[in-house]
Amino acid sequence: MSLKLYLLRHGETIYSRTGGYCGDIDPDLTNEGQQMADAFGLAHRAIAWEAVFVSPMKRTIATATPLCDAMQLGMELRDGLKELSYGKWEGQSNQFVKEHYHNDYHRWLTEPAWYPPTGGETAMQLASRALLVVAEIQKKYPSGNVLIVSHKATIRVILCNLLGIDLGRYRDRLDIPAASLSMIQFGVYGPMLKVLGDRSFMSDDLRSLAGT
């Protein structure tokens, strides 16, 4: 039996709904975001989970809680799974950032692996901390099912690294909607993407929410 690494993005927040930059700031889930978390927990109780690793933010903890409570699983909180830090862009709209941080914004669009949001973090810096958690999981759990509950950019960066996708294109190659589940299976020939951005476990109304 091989390791199956599941990656769950947190449920909807006001920032995932509006498109505002949200990394270090720590909003709660919206009511709909909590419904997404509940739907995930209900739909995935039949899986024999070895462990659940969670970013220590309110939105990720709240997303993991329904499953962990139902399965009586403890959460392994890891700072390495936090979202990309957006620095001075935190809490701002895309339009505001384009107007007030024009040069930094366009450098970031061109090569986010090496150029950060103003006062924030590059994708390379994010990868260096997030992949330490993945390495820890691979060492502790060579087989079985392990869940990571994290954030949009963090999951994209982890997947790009494991799949050999240019890290500078993490924003252009993978779509990770709110509360979506992806899964990598580690085999003889390395990591294989088996699931990407699945939200089939939630209602049509939740899946149809704009901006998630």
N, C-alpha and C. Protein backbone atom coordinates (compact mmCIF):
# COMPACT_ATOMS: atom_id res chain seq x y z
N MET A 1 0.85 -1.20 0.00
CA MET A 1 0.00 0.00 0.00
C MET A 1 0.88 1.25 0.00
N SER A 2 0.53 2.23 -0.82
CA SER A 2 1.32 3.44 -0.93
C SER A 2 0.65 4.58 -0.17
N LEU A 3 1.40 5.68 -0.03
CA LEU A 3 0.87 6.87 0.61
C LEU A 3 -0.05 7.61 -0.35
N LYS A 4 -1.24 7.96 0.14
CA LYS A 4 -2.16 8.84 -0.58
C LYS A 4 -2.23 10.14 0.21
N LEU A 5 -1.79 11.22 -0.41
CA LEU A 5 -1.76 12.52 0.24
C LEU A 5 -2.90 13.36 -0.30
N TYR A 6 -3.87 13.65 0.57
CA TYR A 6 -5.03 14.46 0.21
C TYR A 6 -4.76 15.90 0.62
N LEU A 7 -5.14 16.84 -0.24
CA LEU A 7 -4.93 18.26 0.04
C LEU A 7 -6.26 18.99 -0.09
N LEU A 8 -6.74 19.50 1.04
CA LEU A 8 -8.04 20.17 1.10
C LEU A 8 -7.85 21.66 1.34
N ARG A 9 -8.38 22.47 0.45
CA ARG A 9 -8.38 23.91 0.70
C ARG A 9 -9.51 24.23 1.69
N HIS A 10 -9.29 25.24 2.53
CA HIS A 10 -10.32 25.63 3.49
C HIS A 10 -11.59 26.10 2.78
N GLY A 11 -12.69 26.10 3.53
CA GLY A 11 -13.96 26.57 3.00
C GLY A 11 -13.96 28.07 2.76
N GLU A 12 -15.06 28.53 2.21
CA GLU A 12 -15.17 29.94 1.81
C GLU A 12 -15.01 30.91 2.98
N THR A 13 -14.26 31.99 2.74
CA THR A 13 -14.20 33.15 3.62
C THR A 13 -14.69 34.36 2.83
N ILE A 14 -14.82 35.48 3.49
CA ILE A 14 -15.23 36.69 2.78
C ILE A 14 -14.20 37.06 1.72
N TYR A 15 -12.93 36.73 1.94
CA TYR A 15 -11.89 37.10 0.97
C TYR A 15 -11.88 36.16 -0.23
N SER A 16 -12.13 34.87 -0.02
CA SER A 16 -12.23 33.98 -1.17
C SER A 16 -13.47 34.30 -1.99
N ARG A 17 -14.49 34.88 -1.33
CA ARG A 17 -15.71 35.27 -2.05
C ARG A 17 -15.45 36.52 -2.89
N THR A 18 -14.72 37.49 -2.35
CA THR A 18 -14.54 38.77 -3.04
C THR A 18 -13.27 38.84 -3.88
N GLY A 19 -12.34 37.93 -3.63
CA GLY A 19 -11.08 37.96 -4.36
C GLY A 19 -10.01 38.81 -3.71
N GLY A 20 -10.23 39.27 -2.48
CA GLY A 20 -9.22 40.04 -1.78
C GLY A 20 -8.05 39.18 -1.37
N TYR A 21 -6.89 39.80 -1.18
CA TYR A 21 -5.68 39.06 -0.81
C TYR A 21 -5.72 38.71 0.67
N CYS A 22 -5.56 37.44 0.97
CA CYS A 22 -5.71 36.95 2.35
C CYS A 22 -4.68 35.86 2.59
N GLY A 23 -3.63 36.22 3.34
CA GLY A 23 -2.61 35.25 3.71
C GLY A 23 -2.43 35.21 5.20
N ASP A 24 -1.81 36.25 5.75
CA ASP A 24 -1.56 36.31 7.19
C ASP A 24 -2.80 36.71 7.99
N ILE A 25 -3.70 37.48 7.39
CA ILE A 25 -4.92 37.83 8.12
C ILE A 25 -5.76 36.56 8.30
N ASP A 26 -6.62 36.57 9.30
CA ASP A 26 -7.19 35.30 9.75
C ASP A 26 -8.71 35.38 9.88
N PRO A 27 -9.44 35.45 8.78
CA PRO A 27 -10.90 35.52 8.85
C PRO A 27 -11.52 34.17 9.19
N ASP A 28 -12.73 34.23 9.71
CA ASP A 28 -13.52 33.03 9.92
C ASP A 28 -14.10 32.55 8.59
N LEU A 29 -14.59 31.33 8.58
CA LEU A 29 -15.38 30.86 7.44
C LEU A 29 -16.70 31.61 7.40
N THR A 30 -17.23 31.81 6.21
CA THR A 30 -18.60 32.27 6.07
C THR A 30 -19.54 31.12 6.46
N ASN A 31 -20.82 31.40 6.56
CA ASN A 31 -21.79 30.33 6.82
C ASN A 31 -21.71 29.26 5.75
N GLU A 32 -21.56 29.69 4.50
CA GLU A 32 -21.44 28.74 3.40
C GLU A 32 -20.12 27.96 3.49
N GLY A 33 -19.06 28.65 3.93
CA GLY A 33 -17.79 27.96 4.12
C GLY A 33 -17.88 26.86 5.16
N GLN A 34 -18.62 27.13 6.24
CA GLN A 34 -18.81 26.10 7.27
C GLN A 34 -19.62 24.93 6.73
N GLN A 35 -20.61 25.23 5.88
CA GLN A 35 -21.38 24.15 5.25
C GLN A 35 -20.49 23.29 4.36
N MET A 36 -19.55 23.92 3.68
CA MET A 36 -18.59 23.16 2.87
C MET A 36 -17.77 22.21 3.74
N ALA A 37 -17.30 22.73 4.87
CA ALA A 37 -16.51 21.91 5.79
C ALA A 37 -17.33 20.75 6.33
N ASP A 38 -18.58 21.03 6.68
CA ASP A 38 -19.46 19.97 7.18
C ASP A 38 -19.68 18.90 6.11
N ALA A 39 -19.89 19.34 4.87
CA ALA A 39 -20.11 18.40 3.77
C ALA A 39 -18.89 17.53 3.54
N PHE A 40 -17.70 18.12 3.62
CA PHE A 40 -16.48 17.33 3.46
C PHE A 40 -16.37 16.28 4.57
N GLY A 41 -16.57 16.71 5.81
CA GLY A 41 -16.46 15.77 6.92
C GLY A 41 -17.43 14.62 6.81
N LEU A 42 -18.66 14.91 6.40
CA LEU A 42 -19.67 13.86 6.27
C LEU A 42 -19.32 12.88 5.16
N ALA A 43 -18.80 13.40 4.06
CA ALA A 43 -18.55 12.56 2.89
C ALA A 43 -17.29 11.72 2.99
N HIS A 44 -16.38 12.07 3.90
CA HIS A 44 -15.06 11.40 3.92
C HIS A 44 -14.77 10.67 5.23
N ARG A 45 -15.82 10.35 5.97
CA ARG A 45 -15.64 9.62 7.22
C ARG A 45 -15.27 8.15 7.00
N ALA A 46 -15.59 7.63 5.84
CA ALA A 46 -15.32 6.21 5.59
C ALA A 46 -13.86 5.93 5.29
N ILE A 47 -13.08 6.97 5.02
CA ILE A 47 -11.66 6.77 4.74
C ILE A 47 -10.90 6.53 6.04
N ALA A 48 -10.00 5.57 6.00
CA ALA A 48 -9.16 5.26 7.18
C ALA A 48 -7.99 6.25 7.20
N TRP A 49 -8.18 7.34 7.90
CA TRP A 49 -7.15 8.39 7.95
C TRP A 49 -6.04 8.04 8.94
N GLU A 50 -4.80 8.20 8.50
CA GLU A 50 -3.66 8.01 9.39
C GLU A 50 -3.39 9.27 10.22
N ALA A 51 -3.57 10.44 9.59
CA ALA A 51 -3.26 11.70 10.27
C ALA A 51 -3.87 12.85 9.48
N VAL A 52 -4.04 13.98 10.18
CA VAL A 52 -4.53 15.20 9.56
C VAL A 52 -3.58 16.34 9.94
N PHE A 53 -2.94 16.93 8.94
CA PHE A 53 -2.01 18.04 9.14
C PHE A 53 -2.71 19.33 8.69
N VAL A 54 -2.66 20.37 9.54
CA VAL A 54 -3.50 21.54 9.34
C VAL A 54 -2.69 22.82 9.54
N SER A 55 -2.90 23.78 8.66
CA SER A 55 -2.39 25.13 8.88
C SER A 55 -3.05 25.72 10.12
N PRO A 56 -2.30 26.41 10.98
CA PRO A 56 -2.85 26.87 12.26
C PRO A 56 -3.63 28.18 12.16
N MET A 57 -4.49 28.29 11.16
CA MET A 57 -5.32 29.47 10.98
C MET A 57 -6.78 29.10 11.27
N LYS A 58 -7.58 30.08 11.65
CA LYS A 58 -8.97 29.79 12.02
C LYS A 58 -9.74 29.12 10.88
N ARG A 59 -9.50 29.56 9.66
CA ARG A 59 -10.27 29.04 8.54
C ARG A 59 -9.92 27.60 8.20
N THR A 60 -8.67 27.21 8.40
CA THR A 60 -8.28 25.83 8.13
C THR A 60 -8.68 24.91 9.29
N ILE A 61 -8.50 25.37 10.51
CA ILE A 61 -8.92 24.57 11.67
C ILE A 61 -10.42 24.31 11.62
N ALA A 62 -11.20 25.34 11.30
CA ALA A 62 -12.65 25.18 11.22
C ALA A 62 -13.03 24.20 10.11
N THR A 63 -12.27 24.19 9.01
CA THR A 63 -12.56 23.28 7.91
C THR A 63 -12.25 21.84 8.29
N ALA A 64 -11.19 21.63 9.05
CA ALA A 64 -10.80 20.27 9.44
C ALA A 64 -11.64 19.73 10.59
N THR A 65 -12.25 20.59 11.38
CA THR A 65 -12.90 20.18 12.62
C THR A 65 -14.03 19.17 12.43
N PRO A 66 -14.96 19.33 11.48
CA PRO A 66 -16.04 18.34 11.36
C PRO A 66 -15.53 16.91 11.15
N LEU A 67 -14.54 16.75 10.28
CA LEU A 67 -13.99 15.41 10.05
C LEU A 67 -13.26 14.92 11.30
N CYS A 68 -12.40 15.76 11.87
CA CYS A 68 -11.61 15.34 13.03
C CYS A 68 -12.50 14.98 14.21
N ASP A 69 -13.56 15.76 14.44
CA ASP A 69 -14.48 15.46 15.53
C ASP A 69 -15.19 14.14 15.30
N ALA A 70 -15.64 13.92 14.07
CA ALA A 70 -16.37 12.68 13.76
C ALA A 70 -15.48 11.45 13.89
N MET A 71 -14.20 11.59 13.52
CA MET A 71 -13.28 10.46 13.51
C MET A 71 -12.43 10.39 14.77
N GLN A 72 -12.60 11.36 15.68
CA GLN A 72 -11.78 11.46 16.89
C GLN A 72 -10.29 11.48 16.54
N LEU A 73 -9.97 12.35 15.58
CA LEU A 73 -8.60 12.52 15.13
C LEU A 73 -8.04 13.83 15.65
N GLY A 74 -6.82 13.83 16.14
CA GLY A 74 -6.16 15.06 16.51
C GLY A 74 -5.61 15.76 15.28
N MET A 75 -5.45 17.07 15.38
CA MET A 75 -4.87 17.84 14.28
C MET A 75 -3.39 18.07 14.55
N GLU A 76 -2.58 17.85 13.54
CA GLU A 76 -1.16 18.17 13.59
C GLU A 76 -0.98 19.56 12.97
N LEU A 77 -0.87 20.59 13.79
CA LEU A 77 -0.77 21.96 13.30
C LEU A 77 0.66 22.26 12.86
N ARG A 78 0.80 22.82 11.67
CA ARG A 78 2.12 23.12 11.13
C ARG A 78 2.14 24.51 10.50
N ASP A 79 3.04 25.37 10.96
CA ASP A 79 3.19 26.71 10.38
C ASP A 79 3.58 26.65 8.91
N GLY A 80 4.28 25.60 8.53
CA GLY A 80 4.70 25.47 7.14
C GLY A 80 3.55 25.38 6.15
N LEU A 81 2.35 25.10 6.64
CA LEU A 81 1.19 24.97 5.77
C LEU A 81 0.38 26.26 5.67
N LYS A 82 0.86 27.35 6.29
CA LYS A 82 0.15 28.63 6.17
C LYS A 82 0.13 29.11 4.72
N GLU A 83 -0.77 30.06 4.48
CA GLU A 83 -0.89 30.64 3.15
C GLU A 83 0.30 31.55 2.85
N LEU A 84 0.50 31.83 1.56
CA LEU A 84 1.48 32.82 1.13
C LEU A 84 1.22 34.13 1.86
N SER A 85 2.28 34.75 2.36
CA SER A 85 2.15 36.06 2.98
C SER A 85 2.11 37.13 1.89
N TYR A 86 1.05 37.95 1.91
CA TYR A 86 0.88 38.98 0.89
C TYR A 86 1.37 40.36 1.33
N GLY A 87 2.02 40.44 2.48
CA GLY A 87 2.63 41.69 2.90
C GLY A 87 1.65 42.85 2.93
N LYS A 88 2.00 43.93 2.25
CA LYS A 88 1.18 45.14 2.25
C LYS A 88 -0.12 44.98 1.44
N TRP A 89 -0.23 43.87 0.73
CA TRP A 89 -1.45 43.62 -0.05
C TRP A 89 -2.56 42.98 0.79
N GLU A 90 -2.24 42.55 2.00
CA GLU A 90 -3.21 41.83 2.82
C GLU A 90 -4.51 42.63 2.98
N GLY A 91 -5.61 41.96 2.68
CA GLY A 91 -6.92 42.54 2.86
C GLY A 91 -7.36 43.47 1.75
N GLN A 92 -6.50 43.70 0.76
CA GLN A 92 -6.80 44.64 -0.32
C GLN A 92 -7.38 43.91 -1.54
N SER A 93 -8.11 44.65 -2.34
CA SER A 93 -8.65 44.10 -3.57
C SER A 93 -7.57 44.07 -4.65
N ASN A 94 -7.81 43.27 -5.67
CA ASN A 94 -6.88 43.20 -6.79
C ASN A 94 -6.75 44.57 -7.47
N GLN A 95 -7.85 45.29 -7.61
CA GLN A 95 -7.81 46.60 -8.25
C GLN A 95 -6.97 47.59 -7.44
N PHE A 96 -7.12 47.56 -6.12
CA PHE A 96 -6.33 48.44 -5.25
C PHE A 96 -4.83 48.15 -5.41
N VAL A 97 -4.48 46.88 -5.43
CA VAL A 97 -3.07 46.50 -5.56
C VAL A 97 -2.51 46.95 -6.90
N LYS A 98 -3.27 46.75 -7.96
CA LYS A 98 -2.80 47.17 -9.29
C LYS A 98 -2.57 48.68 -9.35
N GLU A 99 -3.39 49.44 -8.65
CA GLU A 99 -3.27 50.89 -8.69
C GLU A 99 -2.14 51.41 -7.79
N HIS A 100 -1.96 50.80 -6.62
CA HIS A 100 -1.05 51.35 -5.62
C HIS A 100 0.33 50.66 -5.59
N TYR A 101 0.40 49.46 -6.14
CA TYR A 101 1.68 48.71 -6.15
C TYR A 101 1.93 48.19 -7.57
N HIS A 102 1.79 49.07 -8.52
CA HIS A 102 1.78 48.69 -9.94
C HIS A 102 3.01 47.88 -10.34
N ASN A 103 4.21 48.39 -10.05
CA ASN A 103 5.42 47.71 -10.50
C ASN A 103 5.60 46.36 -9.82
N ASP A 104 5.41 46.33 -8.49
CA ASP A 104 5.54 45.06 -7.77
C ASP A 104 4.51 44.05 -8.26
N TYR A 105 3.32 44.53 -8.52
CA TYR A 105 2.24 43.64 -8.98
C TYR A 105 2.60 42.99 -10.31
N HIS A 106 3.11 43.75 -11.24
CA HIS A 106 3.43 43.18 -12.56
C HIS A 106 4.67 42.30 -12.51
N ARG A 107 5.63 42.61 -11.64
CA ARG A 107 6.75 41.68 -11.45
C ARG A 107 6.26 40.36 -10.88
N TRP A 108 5.34 40.45 -9.92
CA TRP A 108 4.78 39.25 -9.29
C TRP A 108 4.01 38.42 -10.31
N LEU A 109 3.23 39.05 -11.16
CA LEU A 109 2.50 38.32 -12.20
C LEU A 109 3.46 37.61 -13.15
N THR A 110 4.57 38.26 -13.46
CA THR A 110 5.52 37.71 -14.43
C THR A 110 6.28 36.52 -13.86
N GLU A 111 6.73 36.62 -12.60
CA GLU A 111 7.55 35.56 -12.01
C GLU A 111 7.32 35.49 -10.51
N PRO A 112 6.17 34.92 -10.08
CA PRO A 112 5.87 34.88 -8.65
C PRO A 112 6.76 33.93 -7.85
N ALA A 113 7.50 33.07 -8.54
CA ALA A 113 8.43 32.20 -7.80
C ALA A 113 9.51 33.02 -7.12
N TRP A 114 9.92 34.13 -7.76
CA TRP A 114 11.05 34.91 -7.27
C TRP A 114 10.71 36.33 -6.85
N TYR A 115 9.58 36.86 -7.31
CA TYR A 115 9.16 38.21 -6.93
C TYR A 115 7.96 38.13 -5.99
N PRO A 116 8.04 38.75 -4.81
CA PRO A 116 6.96 38.64 -3.83
C PRO A 116 5.95 39.78 -3.98
N PRO A 117 4.76 39.62 -3.43
CA PRO A 117 3.92 40.79 -3.16
C PRO A 117 4.71 41.76 -2.28
N THR A 118 4.39 43.03 -2.33
CA THR A 118 5.14 44.05 -1.60
C THR A 118 5.24 43.71 -0.12
N GLY A 119 6.46 43.44 0.36
CA GLY A 119 6.65 43.08 1.76
C GLY A 119 6.21 41.68 2.11
N GLY A 120 5.92 40.86 1.10
CA GLY A 120 5.40 39.52 1.33
C GLY A 120 6.42 38.42 1.01
N GLU A 121 5.92 37.33 0.52
CA GLU A 121 6.68 36.09 0.40
C GLU A 121 6.67 35.60 -1.04
N THR A 122 7.78 35.07 -1.50
CA THR A 122 7.82 34.46 -2.83
C THR A 122 7.30 33.03 -2.77
N ALA A 123 6.96 32.51 -3.94
CA ALA A 123 6.54 31.11 -4.01
C ALA A 123 7.68 30.18 -3.61
N MET A 124 8.91 30.56 -3.89
CA MET A 124 10.05 29.74 -3.48
C MET A 124 10.14 29.66 -1.97
N GLN A 125 9.92 30.78 -1.30
CA GLN A 125 9.94 30.77 0.17
C GLN A 125 8.80 29.93 0.73
N LEU A 126 7.64 30.04 0.12
CA LEU A 126 6.50 29.21 0.54
C LEU A 126 6.82 27.73 0.35
N ALA A 127 7.38 27.40 -0.80
CA ALA A 127 7.72 26.00 -1.08
C ALA A 127 8.71 25.45 -0.06
N SER A 128 9.69 26.27 0.33
CA SER A 128 10.73 25.78 1.23
C SER A 128 10.15 25.35 2.58
N ARG A 129 9.10 26.02 3.05
CA ARG A 129 8.52 25.63 4.34
C ARG A 129 7.43 24.55 4.19
N ALA A 130 6.61 24.66 3.13
CA ALA A 130 5.52 23.70 2.96
C ALA A 130 6.05 22.30 2.64
N LEU A 131 7.11 22.24 1.87
CA LEU A 131 7.64 20.93 1.47
C LEU A 131 8.34 20.22 2.61
N LEU A 132 8.76 20.95 3.64
CA LEU A 132 9.27 20.29 4.84
C LEU A 132 8.17 19.48 5.51
N VAL A 133 6.94 19.98 5.48
CA VAL A 133 5.82 19.24 6.06
C VAL A 133 5.52 18.00 5.22
N VAL A 134 5.55 18.14 3.90
CA VAL A 134 5.34 16.98 3.03
C VAL A 134 6.40 15.92 3.28
N ALA A 135 7.66 16.34 3.43
CA ALA A 135 8.74 15.39 3.71
C ALA A 135 8.53 14.70 5.05
N GLU A 136 8.06 15.45 6.04
CA GLU A 136 7.76 14.85 7.35
C GLU A 136 6.68 13.79 7.22
N ILE A 137 5.64 14.08 6.45
CA ILE A 137 4.55 13.12 6.24
C ILE A 137 5.07 11.87 5.54
N GLN A 138 5.87 12.05 4.49
CA GLN A 138 6.39 10.89 3.75
C GLN A 138 7.25 10.00 4.64
N LYS A 139 7.98 10.62 5.56
CA LYS A 139 8.83 9.84 6.46
C LYS A 139 8.01 9.07 7.48
N LYS A 140 7.01 9.74 8.06
CA LYS A 140 6.21 9.12 9.12
C LYS A 140 5.18 8.12 8.58
N TYR A 141 4.69 8.39 7.36
CA TYR A 141 3.58 7.59 6.83
C TYR A 141 3.91 7.13 5.41
N PRO A 142 4.72 6.08 5.27
CA PRO A 142 5.06 5.58 3.94
C PRO A 142 3.87 4.99 3.20
N SER A 143 2.79 4.70 3.94
CA SER A 143 1.57 4.20 3.32
C SER A 143 0.36 4.73 4.10
N GLY A 144 -0.81 4.59 3.50
CA GLY A 144 -2.04 5.02 4.14
C GLY A 144 -2.53 6.36 3.62
N ASN A 145 -3.56 6.89 4.26
CA ASN A 145 -4.22 8.12 3.83
C ASN A 145 -3.92 9.25 4.82
N VAL A 146 -3.33 10.33 4.31
CA VAL A 146 -3.01 11.50 5.13
C VAL A 146 -3.65 12.73 4.50
N LEU A 147 -4.27 13.55 5.33
CA LEU A 147 -4.94 14.76 4.87
C LEU A 147 -4.16 16.01 5.28
N ILE A 148 -3.97 16.91 4.34
CA ILE A 148 -3.47 18.25 4.60
C ILE A 148 -4.62 19.23 4.39
N VAL A 149 -4.85 20.11 5.35
CA VAL A 149 -5.85 21.17 5.19
C VAL A 149 -5.09 22.49 5.17
N SER A 150 -5.13 23.15 4.02
CA SER A 150 -4.28 24.32 3.83
C SER A 150 -4.99 25.37 2.98
N HIS A 151 -4.24 26.06 2.14
CA HIS A 151 -4.71 27.26 1.45
C HIS A 151 -4.43 27.16 -0.04
N LYS A 152 -5.03 28.09 -0.79
CA LYS A 152 -5.00 28.02 -2.25
C LYS A 152 -3.58 28.03 -2.80
N ALA A 153 -2.79 29.06 -2.50
CA ALA A 153 -1.44 29.13 -3.05
C ALA A 153 -0.56 28.01 -2.51
N THR A 154 -0.72 27.69 -1.25
CA THR A 154 0.11 26.64 -0.65
C THR A 154 -0.12 25.30 -1.32
N ILE A 155 -1.37 24.96 -1.56
CA ILE A 155 -1.67 23.69 -2.23
C ILE A 155 -1.17 23.71 -3.66
N ARG A 156 -1.35 24.82 -4.36
CA ARG A 156 -0.84 24.92 -5.72
C ARG A 156 0.68 24.73 -5.77
N VAL A 157 1.39 25.35 -4.84
CA VAL A 157 2.85 25.25 -4.82
C VAL A 157 3.29 23.82 -4.50
N ILE A 158 2.64 23.18 -3.55
CA ILE A 158 2.98 21.79 -3.23
C ILE A 158 2.76 20.91 -4.45
N LEU A 159 1.62 21.06 -5.11
CA LEU A 159 1.32 20.22 -6.27
C LEU A 159 2.30 20.48 -7.41
N CYS A 160 2.62 21.74 -7.67
CA CYS A 160 3.58 22.04 -8.73
C CYS A 160 4.92 21.37 -8.47
N ASN A 161 5.38 21.44 -7.22
CA ASN A 161 6.66 20.83 -6.89
C ASN A 161 6.62 19.33 -7.09
N LEU A 162 5.57 18.68 -6.60
CA LEU A 162 5.49 17.22 -6.69
C LEU A 162 5.32 16.74 -8.13
N LEU A 163 4.68 17.56 -8.96
CA LEU A 163 4.37 17.14 -10.33
C LEU A 163 5.36 17.67 -11.36
N GLY A 164 6.37 18.42 -10.91
CA GLY A 164 7.38 18.92 -11.83
C GLY A 164 6.91 20.06 -12.71
N ILE A 165 5.94 20.85 -12.21
CA ILE A 165 5.45 22.02 -12.93
C ILE A 165 6.25 23.24 -12.49
N ASP A 166 6.62 24.08 -13.44
CA ASP A 166 7.38 25.30 -13.15
C ASP A 166 6.69 26.08 -12.04
N LEU A 167 7.40 26.33 -10.95
CA LEU A 167 6.81 27.00 -9.79
C LEU A 167 6.34 28.41 -10.13
N GLY A 168 6.98 29.04 -11.10
CA GLY A 168 6.56 30.37 -11.51
C GLY A 168 5.21 30.40 -12.19
N ARG A 169 4.67 29.25 -12.52
CA ARG A 169 3.38 29.17 -13.19
C ARG A 169 2.30 28.57 -12.27
N TYR A 170 2.54 28.58 -10.97
CA TYR A 170 1.58 27.93 -10.07
C TYR A 170 0.20 28.57 -10.14
N ARG A 171 0.14 29.87 -10.43
CA ARG A 171 -1.15 30.55 -10.51
C ARG A 171 -1.86 30.30 -11.84
N ASP A 172 -1.14 29.79 -12.83
CA ASP A 172 -1.68 29.65 -14.19
C ASP A 172 -2.04 28.21 -14.56
N ARG A 173 -1.61 27.24 -13.77
CA ARG A 173 -1.76 25.85 -14.19
C ARG A 173 -2.79 25.05 -13.39
N LEU A 174 -3.05 25.45 -12.15
CA LEU A 174 -3.90 24.64 -11.28
C LEU A 174 -4.98 25.49 -10.65
N ASP A 175 -6.23 25.03 -10.75
CA ASP A 175 -7.36 25.73 -10.14
C ASP A 175 -7.75 24.98 -8.86
N ILE A 176 -7.74 25.70 -7.74
CA ILE A 176 -8.04 25.09 -6.44
C ILE A 176 -9.17 25.89 -5.79
N PRO A 177 -10.43 25.59 -6.10
CA PRO A 177 -11.54 26.35 -5.52
C PRO A 177 -11.66 26.11 -4.01
N ALA A 178 -12.45 26.95 -3.36
CA ALA A 178 -12.66 26.81 -1.92
C ALA A 178 -13.21 25.43 -1.58
N ALA A 179 -12.65 24.83 -0.55
CA ALA A 179 -13.06 23.51 -0.03
C ALA A 179 -12.93 22.39 -1.06
N SER A 180 -12.08 22.58 -2.06
CA SER A 180 -11.87 21.51 -3.03
C SER A 180 -10.77 20.56 -2.54
N LEU A 181 -10.88 19.32 -2.99
CA LEU A 181 -9.96 18.27 -2.57
C LEU A 181 -9.14 17.77 -3.75
N SER A 182 -7.85 17.68 -3.55
CA SER A 182 -6.95 17.08 -4.53
C SER A 182 -6.23 15.90 -3.86
N MET A 183 -5.70 14.99 -4.68
CA MET A 183 -5.01 13.83 -4.08
C MET A 183 -3.85 13.39 -4.96
N ILE A 184 -2.74 13.17 -4.30
CA ILE A 184 -1.52 12.63 -4.92
C ILE A 184 -1.26 11.25 -4.34
N GLN A 185 -1.00 10.28 -5.20
CA GLN A 185 -0.60 8.95 -4.74
C GLN A 185 0.87 8.72 -5.09
N PHE A 186 1.63 8.31 -4.10
CA PHE A 186 3.06 8.07 -4.30
C PHE A 186 3.27 6.61 -4.67
N GLY A 187 3.85 6.39 -5.84
CA GLY A 187 4.09 5.04 -6.32
C GLY A 187 5.53 4.80 -6.68
N VAL A 188 5.77 3.72 -7.39
CA VAL A 188 7.12 3.33 -7.78
C VAL A 188 7.79 4.42 -8.61
N TYR A 189 7.00 5.09 -9.44
CA TYR A 189 7.56 6.09 -10.34
C TYR A 189 7.35 7.52 -9.83
N GLY A 190 7.06 7.64 -8.54
CA GLY A 190 6.91 8.96 -7.96
C GLY A 190 5.46 9.37 -7.79
N PRO A 191 5.20 10.66 -7.55
CA PRO A 191 3.85 11.14 -7.28
C PRO A 191 2.98 11.19 -8.53
N MET A 192 1.76 10.68 -8.38
CA MET A 192 0.78 10.69 -9.47
C MET A 192 -0.45 11.47 -9.01
N LEU A 193 -0.85 12.46 -9.80
CA LEU A 193 -2.07 13.22 -9.49
C LEU A 193 -3.28 12.37 -9.84
N LYS A 194 -4.09 12.07 -8.83
CA LYS A 194 -5.28 11.24 -9.02
C LYS A 194 -6.57 12.05 -8.98
N VAL A 195 -6.56 13.14 -8.21
CA VAL A 195 -7.76 13.99 -8.06
C VAL A 195 -7.29 15.44 -8.03
N LEU A 196 -8.02 16.33 -8.70
CA LEU A 196 -7.69 17.75 -8.67
C LEU A 196 -8.96 18.58 -8.50
N GLY A 197 -9.00 19.36 -7.43
CA GLY A 197 -10.07 20.34 -7.25
C GLY A 197 -11.47 19.76 -7.17
N ASP A 198 -11.62 18.59 -6.56
CA ASP A 198 -12.93 17.94 -6.50
C ASP A 198 -13.84 18.60 -5.46
N ARG A 199 -15.07 18.89 -5.86
CA ARG A 199 -16.07 19.44 -4.94
C ARG A 199 -17.39 18.68 -5.07
N SER A 200 -17.32 17.46 -5.58
CA SER A 200 -18.54 16.70 -5.83
C SER A 200 -19.27 16.32 -4.55
N PHE A 201 -18.60 16.42 -3.42
CA PHE A 201 -19.21 16.04 -2.14
C PHE A 201 -20.16 17.11 -1.60
N MET A 202 -20.15 18.31 -2.17
CA MET A 202 -21.00 19.37 -1.65
C MET A 202 -22.20 19.61 -2.58
N SER A 203 -23.18 20.33 -2.10
CA SER A 203 -24.40 20.57 -2.86
C SER A 203 -24.14 21.44 -4.07
N ASP A 204 -25.06 21.38 -5.03
CA ASP A 204 -24.96 22.22 -6.22
C ASP A 204 -24.93 23.71 -5.85
N ASP A 205 -25.71 24.09 -4.85
CA ASP A 205 -25.75 25.50 -4.43
C ASP A 205 -24.39 25.97 -3.95
N LEU A 206 -23.70 25.14 -3.15
CA LEU A 206 -22.38 25.51 -2.66
C LEU A 206 -21.36 25.54 -3.79
N ARG A 207 -21.43 24.57 -4.69
CA ARG A 207 -20.48 24.52 -5.81
C ARG A 207 -20.64 25.72 -6.74
N SER A 208 -21.83 26.28 -6.79
CA SER A 208 -22.10 27.35 -7.74
C SER A 208 -21.73 28.74 -7.22
N LEU A 209 -21.28 28.82 -5.96
CA LEU A 209 -20.96 30.13 -5.41
C LEU A 209 -19.86 30.80 -6.22
N ALA A 210 -20.07 32.06 -6.55
CA ALA A 210 -19.10 32.80 -7.35
C ALA A 210 -17.88 33.14 -6.51
N GLY A 211 -16.75 33.23 -7.16
CA GLY A 211 -15.53 33.72 -6.49
C GLY A 211 -14.88 32.74 -5.57
N THR A 212 -15.24 31.45 -5.64
CA THR A 212 -14.65 30.49 -4.73
C THR A 212 -13.71 29.54 -5.45
